[in-house]
């Protein structure tokens, strides 16, 4: 897991602050923001796919299967919430 990185959070924040101060061009800041948002959304999709068991807890995993099944993700998440 990523728990080992929790104690390094201040260093990551300093690194992020350094990157942001060096992005002086407005287009560079927008590109950085768009990239960050895309990575956040990708992480959220993977998290919800794991929770809805579209990504199996054990066994084989196929990216092509996941990408073809992504339109069903909202319905599977609703079904999972109803079963709670």
PDB file of N, CA and C in Angstrom:
ATOM      1  N   UNK A   1       0.813  -1.182   0.000  1.00  0.00           N
ATOM      2  CA  UNK A   1       0.000   0.000   0.000  1.00  0.00           C
ATOM      3  C   UNK A   1       0.859   1.249   0.000  1.00  0.00           C
ATOM      4  N   UNK A   2       0.203   2.357   0.122  1.00  0.00           N
ATOM      5  CA  UNK A   2       0.884   3.658   0.083  1.00  0.00           C
ATOM      6  C   UNK A   2       1.053   4.273   1.460  1.00  0.00           C
ATOM      7  N   UNK A   3       0.770   3.531   2.509  1.00  0.00           N
ATOM      8  CA  UNK A   3       0.882   4.107   3.854  1.00  0.00           C
ATOM      9  C   UNK A   3       2.303   4.561   4.167  1.00  0.00           C
ATOM     10  N   UNK A   4       3.276   3.909   3.588  1.00  0.00           N
ATOM     11  CA  UNK A   4       4.664   4.291   3.829  1.00  0.00           C
ATOM     12  C   UNK A   4       4.989   5.690   3.337  1.00  0.00           C
ATOM     13  N   UNK A   5       4.183   6.210   2.425  1.00  0.00           N
ATOM     14  CA  UNK A   5       4.421   7.545   1.894  1.00  0.00           C
ATOM     15  C   UNK A   5       3.776   8.654   2.731  1.00  0.00           C
ATOM     16  N   UNK A   6       2.928   8.298   3.693  1.00  0.00           N
ATOM     17  CA  UNK A   6       2.231   9.317   4.476  1.00  0.00           C
ATOM     18  C   UNK A   6       3.197  10.238   5.212  1.00  0.00           C
ATOM     19  N   UNK A   7       4.260   9.689   5.735  1.00  0.00           N
ATOM     20  CA  UNK A   7       5.209  10.526   6.467  1.00  0.00           C
ATOM     21  C   UNK A   7       5.997  11.435   5.535  1.00  0.00           C
ATOM     22  N   UNK A   8       5.953  11.164   4.241  1.00  0.00           N
ATOM     23  CA  UNK A   8       6.667  11.993   3.267  1.00  0.00           C
ATOM     24  C   UNK A   8       5.783  13.080   2.658  1.00  0.00           C
ATOM     25  N   UNK A   9       4.562  13.209   3.125  1.00  0.00           N
ATOM     26  CA  UNK A   9       3.638  14.198   2.570  1.00  0.00           C
ATOM     27  C   UNK A   9       4.208  15.616   2.575  1.00  0.00           C
ATOM     28  N   UNK A  10       4.869  16.079   3.645  1.00  0.00           N
ATOM     29  CA  UNK A  10       5.449  17.433   3.591  1.00  0.00           C
ATOM     30  C   UNK A  10       6.469  17.600   2.456  1.00  0.00           C
ATOM     31  N   UNK A  11       7.236  16.575   2.176  1.00  0.00           N
ATOM     32  CA  UNK A  11       8.186  16.678   1.060  1.00  0.00           C
ATOM     33  C   UNK A  11       7.460  16.761  -0.274  1.00  0.00           C
ATOM     34  N   UNK A  12       6.377  15.987  -0.424  1.00  0.00           N
ATOM     35  CA  UNK A  12       5.605  16.059  -1.657  1.00  0.00           C
ATOM     36  C   UNK A  12       4.970  17.438  -1.823  1.00  0.00           C
ATOM     37  N   UNK A  13       4.526  18.027  -0.725  1.00  0.00           N
ATOM     38  CA  UNK A  13       3.922  19.358  -0.792  1.00  0.00           C
ATOM     39  C   UNK A  13       4.966  20.394  -1.191  1.00  0.00           C
ATOM     40  N   UNK A  14       6.161  20.276  -0.647  1.00  0.00           N
ATOM     41  CA  UNK A  14       7.235  21.198  -1.040  1.00  0.00           C
ATOM     42  C   UNK A  14       7.566  21.032  -2.517  1.00  0.00           C
ATOM     43  N   UNK A  15       7.612  19.800  -2.990  1.00  0.00           N
ATOM     44  CA  UNK A  15       7.872  19.563  -4.411  1.00  0.00           C
ATOM     45  C   UNK A  15       6.771  20.132  -5.283  1.00  0.00           C
ATOM     46  N   UNK A  16       5.536  19.958  -4.886  1.00  0.00           N
ATOM     47  CA  UNK A  16       4.405  20.503  -5.638  1.00  0.00           C
ATOM     48  C   UNK A  16       4.450  22.026  -5.650  1.00  0.00           C
ATOM     49  N   UNK A  17       4.778  22.626  -4.511  1.00  0.00           N
ATOM     50  CA  UNK A  17       4.883  24.088  -4.444  1.00  0.00           C
ATOM     51  C   UNK A  17       5.987  24.598  -5.370  1.00  0.00           C
ATOM     52  N   UNK A  18       7.082  23.870  -5.437  1.00  0.00           N
ATOM     53  CA  UNK A  18       8.175  24.270  -6.327  1.00  0.00           C
ATOM     54  C   UNK A  18       7.742  24.194  -7.784  1.00  0.00           C
ATOM     55  N   UNK A  19       7.047  23.126  -8.139  1.00  0.00           N
ATOM     56  CA  UNK A  19       6.565  22.991  -9.517  1.00  0.00           C
ATOM     57  C   UNK A  19       5.605  24.119  -9.853  1.00  0.00           C
ATOM     58  N   UNK A  20       4.686  24.417  -8.951  1.00  0.00           N
ATOM     59  CA  UNK A  20       3.697  25.471  -9.217  1.00  0.00           C
ATOM     60  C   UNK A  20       4.328  26.844  -9.332  1.00  0.00           C
ATOM     61  N   UNK A  21       5.371  27.130  -8.555  1.00  0.00           N
ATOM     62  CA  UNK A  21       6.016  28.445  -8.664  1.00  0.00           C
ATOM     63  C   UNK A  21       6.790  28.579  -9.974  1.00  0.00           C
ATOM     64  N   UNK A  22       7.234  27.471 -10.527  1.00  0.00           N
ATOM     65  CA  UNK A  22       7.983  27.531 -11.796  1.00  0.00           C
ATOM     66  C   UNK A  22       7.077  27.581 -13.015  1.00  0.00           C
ATOM     67  N   UNK A  23       5.802  27.296 -12.828  1.00  0.00           N
ATOM     68  CA  UNK A  23       4.848  27.378 -13.932  1.00  0.00           C
ATOM     69  C   UNK A  23       4.346  28.814 -14.036  1.00  0.00           C
ATOM     70  N   UNK A  24       5.077  29.625 -14.771  1.00  0.00           N
ATOM     71  CA  UNK A  24       4.728  31.046 -14.858  1.00  0.00           C
ATOM     72  C   UNK A  24       3.787  31.343 -16.022  1.00  0.00           C
ATOM     73  N   UNK A  25       3.814  30.504 -17.037  1.00  0.00           N
ATOM     74  CA  UNK A  25       2.945  30.727 -18.188  1.00  0.00           C
ATOM     75  C   UNK A  25       1.534  30.231 -17.876  1.00  0.00           C
ATOM     76  N   UNK A  26       0.518  31.011 -18.244  1.00  0.00           N
ATOM     77  CA  UNK A  26      -0.864  30.573 -17.976  1.00  0.00           C
ATOM     78  C   UNK A  26      -1.194  29.234 -18.646  1.00  0.00           C
ATOM     79  N   UNK A  27      -0.705  28.992 -19.857  1.00  0.00           N
ATOM     80  CA  UNK A  27      -0.991  27.733 -20.537  1.00  0.00           C
ATOM     81  C   UNK A  27      -0.365  26.557 -19.794  1.00  0.00           C
ATOM     82  N   UNK A  28       0.804  26.772 -19.189  1.00  0.00           N
ATOM     83  CA  UNK A  28       1.469  25.699 -18.447  1.00  0.00           C
ATOM     84  C   UNK A  28       0.677  25.344 -17.187  1.00  0.00           C
ATOM     85  N   UNK A  29       0.154  26.366 -16.522  1.00  0.00           N
ATOM     86  CA  UNK A  29      -0.669  26.108 -15.337  1.00  0.00           C
ATOM     87  C   UNK A  29      -1.952  25.370 -15.712  1.00  0.00           C
ATOM     88  N   UNK A  30      -2.570  25.771 -16.833  1.00  0.00           N
ATOM     89  CA  UNK A  30      -3.792  25.093 -17.278  1.00  0.00           C
ATOM     90  C   UNK A  30      -3.498  23.649 -17.664  1.00  0.00           C
ATOM     91  N   UNK A  31      -2.371  23.417 -18.316  1.00  0.00           N
ATOM     92  CA  UNK A  31      -1.983  22.063 -18.685  1.00  0.00           C
ATOM     93  C   UNK A  31      -1.733  21.215 -17.446  1.00  0.00           C
ATOM     94  N   UNK A  32      -1.071  21.786 -16.452  1.00  0.00           N
ATOM     95  CA  UNK A  32      -0.820  21.072 -15.200  1.00  0.00           C
ATOM     96  C   UNK A  32      -2.135  20.749 -14.501  1.00  0.00           C
ATOM     97  N   UNK A  33      -3.043  21.708 -14.449  1.00  0.00           N
ATOM     98  CA  UNK A  33      -4.342  21.487 -13.825  1.00  0.00           C
ATOM     99  C   UNK A  33      -5.143  20.428 -14.572  1.00  0.00           C
ATOM    100  N   UNK A  34      -5.162  20.500 -15.899  1.00  0.00           N
ATOM    101  CA  UNK A  34      -5.897  19.512 -16.691  1.00  0.00           C
ATOM    102  C   UNK A  34      -5.304  18.118 -16.490  1.00  0.00           C
ATOM    103  N   UNK A  35      -3.995  18.019 -16.441  1.00  0.00           N
ATOM    104  CA  UNK A  35      -3.347  16.721 -16.209  1.00  0.00           C
ATOM    105  C   UNK A  35      -3.706  16.172 -14.833  1.00  0.00           C
ATOM    106  N   UNK A  36      -3.702  17.047 -13.831  1.00  0.00           N
ATOM    107  CA  UNK A  36      -4.041  16.621 -12.481  1.00  0.00           C
ATOM    108  C   UNK A  36      -5.484  16.144 -12.404  1.00  0.00           C
ATOM    109  N   UNK A  37      -6.395  16.851 -13.037  1.00  0.00           N
ATOM    110  CA  UNK A  37      -7.805  16.459 -13.047  1.00  0.00           C
ATOM    111  C   UNK A  37      -7.981  15.113 -13.756  1.00  0.00           C
ATOM    112  N   UNK A  38      -7.293  14.925 -14.874  1.00  0.00           N
ATOM    113  CA  UNK A  38      -7.386  13.646 -15.593  1.00  0.00           C
ATOM    114  C   UNK A  38      -6.881  12.491 -14.735  1.00  0.00           C
ATOM    115  N   UNK A  39      -5.759  12.690 -14.051  1.00  0.00           N
ATOM    116  CA  UNK A  39      -5.238  11.642 -13.178  1.00  0.00           C
ATOM    117  C   UNK A  39      -6.178  11.358 -12.012  1.00  0.00           C
ATOM    118  N   UNK A  40      -6.795  12.400 -11.464  1.00  0.00           N
ATOM    119  CA  UNK A  40      -7.766  12.228 -10.384  1.00  0.00           C
ATOM    120  C   UNK A  40      -8.963  11.411 -10.860  1.00  0.00           C
ATOM    121  N   UNK A  41      -9.486  11.759 -12.045  1.00  0.00           N
ATOM    122  CA  UNK A  41     -10.647  11.037 -12.583  1.00  0.00           C
ATOM    123  C   UNK A  41     -10.300   9.582 -12.891  1.00  0.00           C
ATOM    124  N   UNK A  42      -9.113   9.343 -13.456  1.00  0.00           N
ATOM    125  CA  UNK A  42      -8.690   7.979 -13.743  1.00  0.00           C
ATOM    126  C   UNK A  42      -8.602   7.166 -12.453  1.00  0.00           C
ATOM    127  N   UNK A  43      -8.054   7.775 -11.408  1.00  0.00           N
ATOM    128  CA  UNK A  43      -7.955   7.097 -10.121  1.00  0.00           C
ATOM    129  C   UNK A  43      -9.348   6.791  -9.561  1.00  0.00           C
ATOM    130  N   UNK A  44     -10.271   7.737  -9.685  1.00  0.00           N
ATOM    131  CA  UNK A  44     -11.630   7.522  -9.191  1.00  0.00           C
ATOM    132  C   UNK A  44     -12.319   6.392  -9.956  1.00  0.00           C
ATOM    133  N   UNK A  45     -12.143   6.349 -11.276  1.00  0.00           N
ATOM    134  CA  UNK A  45     -12.742   5.278 -12.080  1.00  0.00           C
ATOM    135  C   UNK A  45     -12.188   3.932 -11.652  1.00  0.00           C
ATOM    136  N   UNK A  46     -10.876   3.846 -11.459  1.00  0.00           N
ATOM    137  CA  UNK A  46     -10.281   2.579 -11.025  1.00  0.00           C
ATOM    138  C   UNK A  46     -10.769   2.181  -9.631  1.00  0.00           C
ATOM    139  N   UNK A  47     -10.930   3.157  -8.753  1.00  0.00           N
ATOM    140  CA  UNK A  47     -11.417   2.867  -7.405  1.00  0.00           C
ATOM    141  C   UNK A  47     -12.852   2.326  -7.458  1.00  0.00           C
ATOM    142  N   UNK A  48     -13.713   2.993  -8.241  1.00  0.00           N
ATOM    143  CA  UNK A  48     -15.097   2.531  -8.347  1.00  0.00           C
ATOM    144  C   UNK A  48     -15.181   1.179  -9.065  1.00  0.00           C
ATOM    145  N   UNK A  49     -14.325   0.946 -10.038  1.00  0.00           N
ATOM    146  CA  UNK A  49     -14.308  -0.350 -10.721  1.00  0.00           C
ATOM    147  C   UNK A  49     -13.891  -1.451  -9.755  1.00  0.00           C
ATOM    148  N   UNK A  50     -12.962  -1.153  -8.869  1.00  0.00           N
ATOM    149  CA  UNK A  50     -12.549  -2.139  -7.856  1.00  0.00           C
ATOM    150  C   UNK A  50     -13.690  -2.408  -6.881  1.00  0.00           C
ATOM    151  N   UNK A  51     -14.354  -1.337  -6.431  1.00  0.00           N
ATOM    152  CA  UNK A  51     -15.455  -1.499  -5.485  1.00  0.00           C
ATOM    153  C   UNK A  51     -16.640  -2.242  -6.083  1.00  0.00           C
ATOM    154  N   UNK A  52     -16.891  -2.047  -7.365  1.00  0.00           N
ATOM    155  CA  UNK A  52     -18.015  -2.723  -8.010  1.00  0.00           C
ATOM    156  C   UNK A  52     -17.630  -4.104  -8.528  1.00  0.00           C
ATOM    157  N   UNK A  53     -16.422  -4.528  -8.256  1.00  0.00           N
ATOM    158  CA  UNK A  53     -15.901  -5.840  -8.620  1.00  0.00           C
ATOM    159  C   UNK A  53     -15.761  -6.030 -10.129  1.00  0.00           C
ATOM    160  N   UNK A  54     -15.683  -4.931 -10.879  1.00  0.00           N
ATOM    161  CA  UNK A  54     -15.333  -5.030 -12.292  1.00  0.00           C
ATOM    162  C   UNK A  54     -13.850  -5.374 -12.423  1.00  0.00           C
ATOM    163  N   UNK A  55     -13.069  -4.973 -11.451  1.00  0.00           N
ATOM    164  CA  UNK A  55     -11.689  -5.425 -11.327  1.00  0.00           C
ATOM    165  C   UNK A  55     -11.720  -6.486 -10.238  1.00  0.00           C
ATOM    166  N   UNK A  56     -11.417  -7.712 -10.579  1.00  0.00           N
ATOM    167  CA  UNK A  56     -11.532  -8.784  -9.583  1.00  0.00           C
ATOM    168  C   UNK A  56     -10.513  -8.631  -8.461  1.00  0.00           C
ATOM    169  N   UNK A  57     -10.906  -9.086  -7.281  1.00  0.00           N
ATOM    170  CA  UNK A  57     -10.008  -9.043  -6.138  1.00  0.00           C
ATOM    171  C   UNK A  57      -8.877 -10.049  -6.300  1.00  0.00           C
ATOM    172  N   UNK A  58      -9.156 -11.136  -6.964  1.00  0.00           N
ATOM    173  CA  UNK A  58      -8.153 -12.162  -7.223  1.00  0.00           C
ATOM    174  C   UNK A  58      -8.331 -12.662  -8.644  1.00  0.00           C
ATOM    175  N   UNK A  59      -7.308 -13.261  -9.177  1.00  0.00           N
ATOM    176  CA  UNK A  59      -7.408 -13.852 -10.496  1.00  0.00           C
ATOM    177  C   UNK A  59      -6.915 -12.913 -11.581  1.00  0.00           C
ATOM    178  N   UNK A  60      -7.274 -13.253 -12.797  1.00  0.00           N
ATOM    179  CA  UNK A  60      -6.796 -12.512 -13.952  1.00  0.00           C
ATOM    180  C   UNK A  60      -7.553 -11.198 -14.129  1.00  0.00           C
ATOM    181  N   UNK A  61      -6.843 -10.248 -14.724  1.00  0.00           N
ATOM    182  CA  UNK A  61      -7.419  -8.935 -14.988  1.00  0.00           C
ATOM    183  C   UNK A  61      -7.117  -8.574 -16.432  1.00  0.00           C
ATOM    184  N   UNK A  62      -8.084  -8.016 -17.121  1.00  0.00           N
ATOM    185  CA  UNK A  62      -7.918  -7.623 -18.511  1.00  0.00           C
ATOM    186  C   UNK A  62      -8.318  -6.158 -18.679  1.00  0.00           C
ATOM    187  N   UNK A  63      -7.377  -5.361 -19.177  1.00  0.00           N
ATOM    188  CA  UNK A  63      -7.681  -3.940 -19.425  1.00  0.00           C
ATOM    189  C   UNK A  63      -8.752  -3.805 -20.493  1.00  0.00           C
ATOM    190  N   UNK A  64      -8.692  -4.635 -21.529  1.00  0.00           N
ATOM    191  CA  UNK A  64      -9.693  -4.530 -22.595  1.00  0.00           C
ATOM    192  C   UNK A  64     -11.087  -4.863 -22.067  1.00  0.00           C
ATOM    193  N   UNK A  65     -11.179  -5.828 -21.172  1.00  0.00           N
ATOM    194  CA  UNK A  65     -12.473  -6.165 -20.573  1.00  0.00           C
ATOM    195  C   UNK A  65     -12.976  -4.991 -19.738  1.00  0.00           C
ATOM    196  N   UNK A  66     -12.093  -4.395 -18.949  1.00  0.00           N
ATOM    197  CA  UNK A  66     -12.499  -3.259 -18.121  1.00  0.00           C
ATOM    198  C   UNK A  66     -12.955  -2.087 -18.982  1.00  0.00           C
ATOM    199  N   UNK A  67     -12.184  -1.747 -20.012  1.00  0.00           N
ATOM    200  CA  UNK A  67     -12.537  -0.601 -20.858  1.00  0.00           C
ATOM    201  C   UNK A  67     -13.844  -0.824 -21.607  1.00  0.00           C
ATOM    202  N   UNK A  68     -14.116  -2.067 -22.009  1.00  0.00           N
ATOM    203  CA  UNK A  68     -15.382  -2.331 -22.694  1.00  0.00           C
ATOM    204  C   UNK A  68     -16.564  -2.333 -21.723  1.00  0.00           C
ATOM    205  N   UNK A  69     -16.305  -2.594 -20.451  1.00  0.00           N
ATOM    206  CA  UNK A  69     -17.382  -2.651 -19.455  1.00  0.00           C
ATOM    207  C   UNK A  69     -17.591  -1.324 -18.717  1.00  0.00           C
ATOM    208  N   UNK A  70     -16.759  -0.319 -18.996  1.00  0.00           N
ATOM    209  CA  UNK A  70     -16.874   0.953 -18.267  1.00  0.00           C
ATOM    210  C   UNK A  70     -18.238   1.628 -18.369  1.00  0.00           C
ATOM    211  N   UNK A  71     -18.954   1.557 -19.501  1.00  0.00           N
ATOM    212  CA  UNK A  71     -20.286   2.181 -19.525  1.00  0.00           C
ATOM    213  C   UNK A  71     -21.255   1.599 -18.496  1.00  0.00           C
ATOM    214  N   UNK A  72     -21.005   0.379 -18.029  1.00  0.00           N
ATOM    215  CA  UNK A  72     -21.872  -0.251 -17.039  1.00  0.00           C
ATOM    216  C   UNK A  72     -21.491   0.122 -15.610  1.00  0.00           C
ATOM    217  N   UNK A  73     -20.410   0.858 -15.440  1.00  0.00           N
ATOM    218  CA  UNK A  73     -19.913   1.177 -14.096  1.00  0.00           C
ATOM    219  C   UNK A  73     -20.938   1.897 -13.223  1.00  0.00           C
ATOM    220  N   UNK A  74     -21.631   2.940 -13.710  1.00  0.00           N
ATOM    221  CA  UNK A  74     -22.616   3.599 -12.824  1.00  0.00           C
ATOM    222  C   UNK A  74     -23.715   2.652 -12.342  1.00  0.00           C
ATOM    223  N   UNK A  75     -24.198   1.772 -13.227  1.00  0.00           N
ATOM    224  CA  UNK A  75     -25.248   0.830 -12.820  1.00  0.00           C
ATOM    225  C   UNK A  75     -24.731  -0.171 -11.793  1.00  0.00           C
ATOM    226  N   UNK A  76     -23.511  -0.634 -11.984  1.00  0.00           N
ATOM    227  CA  UNK A  76     -22.941  -1.579 -11.022  1.00  0.00           C
ATOM    228  C   UNK A  76     -22.702  -0.912  -9.676  1.00  0.00           C
ATOM    229  N   UNK A  77     -22.300   0.356  -9.676  1.00  0.00           N
ATOM    230  CA  UNK A  77     -22.098   1.074  -8.409  1.00  0.00           C
ATOM    231  C   UNK A  77     -23.435   1.265  -7.709  1.00  0.00           C
ATOM    232  N   UNK A  78     -24.494   1.601  -8.441  1.00  0.00           N
ATOM    233  CA  UNK A  78     -25.813   1.750  -7.819  1.00  0.00           C
ATOM    234  C   UNK A  78     -26.282   0.424  -7.229  1.00  0.00           C
ATOM    235  N   UNK A  79     -26.070  -0.661  -7.939  1.00  0.00           N
ATOM    236  CA  UNK A  79     -26.457  -1.973  -7.427  1.00  0.00           C
ATOM    237  C   UNK A  79     -25.665  -2.307  -6.172  1.00  0.00           C
ATOM    238  N   UNK A  80     -24.404  -1.942  -6.151  1.00  0.00           N
ATOM    239  CA  UNK A  80     -23.570  -2.214  -4.984  1.00  0.00           C
ATOM    240  C   UNK A  80     -24.060  -1.399  -3.776  1.00  0.00           C
ATOM    241  N   UNK A  81     -24.447  -0.150  -3.999  1.00  0.00           N
ATOM    242  CA  UNK A  81     -24.935   0.711  -2.919  1.00  0.00           C
ATOM    243  C   UNK A  81     -26.262   0.192  -2.384  1.00  0.00           C
ATOM    244  N   UNK A  82     -27.116  -0.290  -3.266  1.00  0.00           N
ATOM    245  CA  UNK A  82     -28.415  -0.822  -2.833  1.00  0.00           C
ATOM    246  C   UNK A  82     -28.254  -2.065  -1.965  1.00  0.00           C
ATOM    247  N   UNK A  83     -27.201  -2.819  -2.191  1.00  0.00           N
ATOM    248  CA  UNK A  83     -26.966  -4.046  -1.440  1.00  0.00           C
ATOM    249  C   UNK A  83     -26.308  -3.793  -0.079  1.00  0.00           C
ATOM    250  N   UNK A  84     -25.967  -2.575   0.210  1.00  0.00           N
ATOM    251  CA  UNK A  84     -25.303  -2.297   1.497  1.00  0.00           C
ATOM    252  C   UNK A  84     -26.232  -2.412   2.657  1.00  0.00           C
TER     253      UNK A  84
END
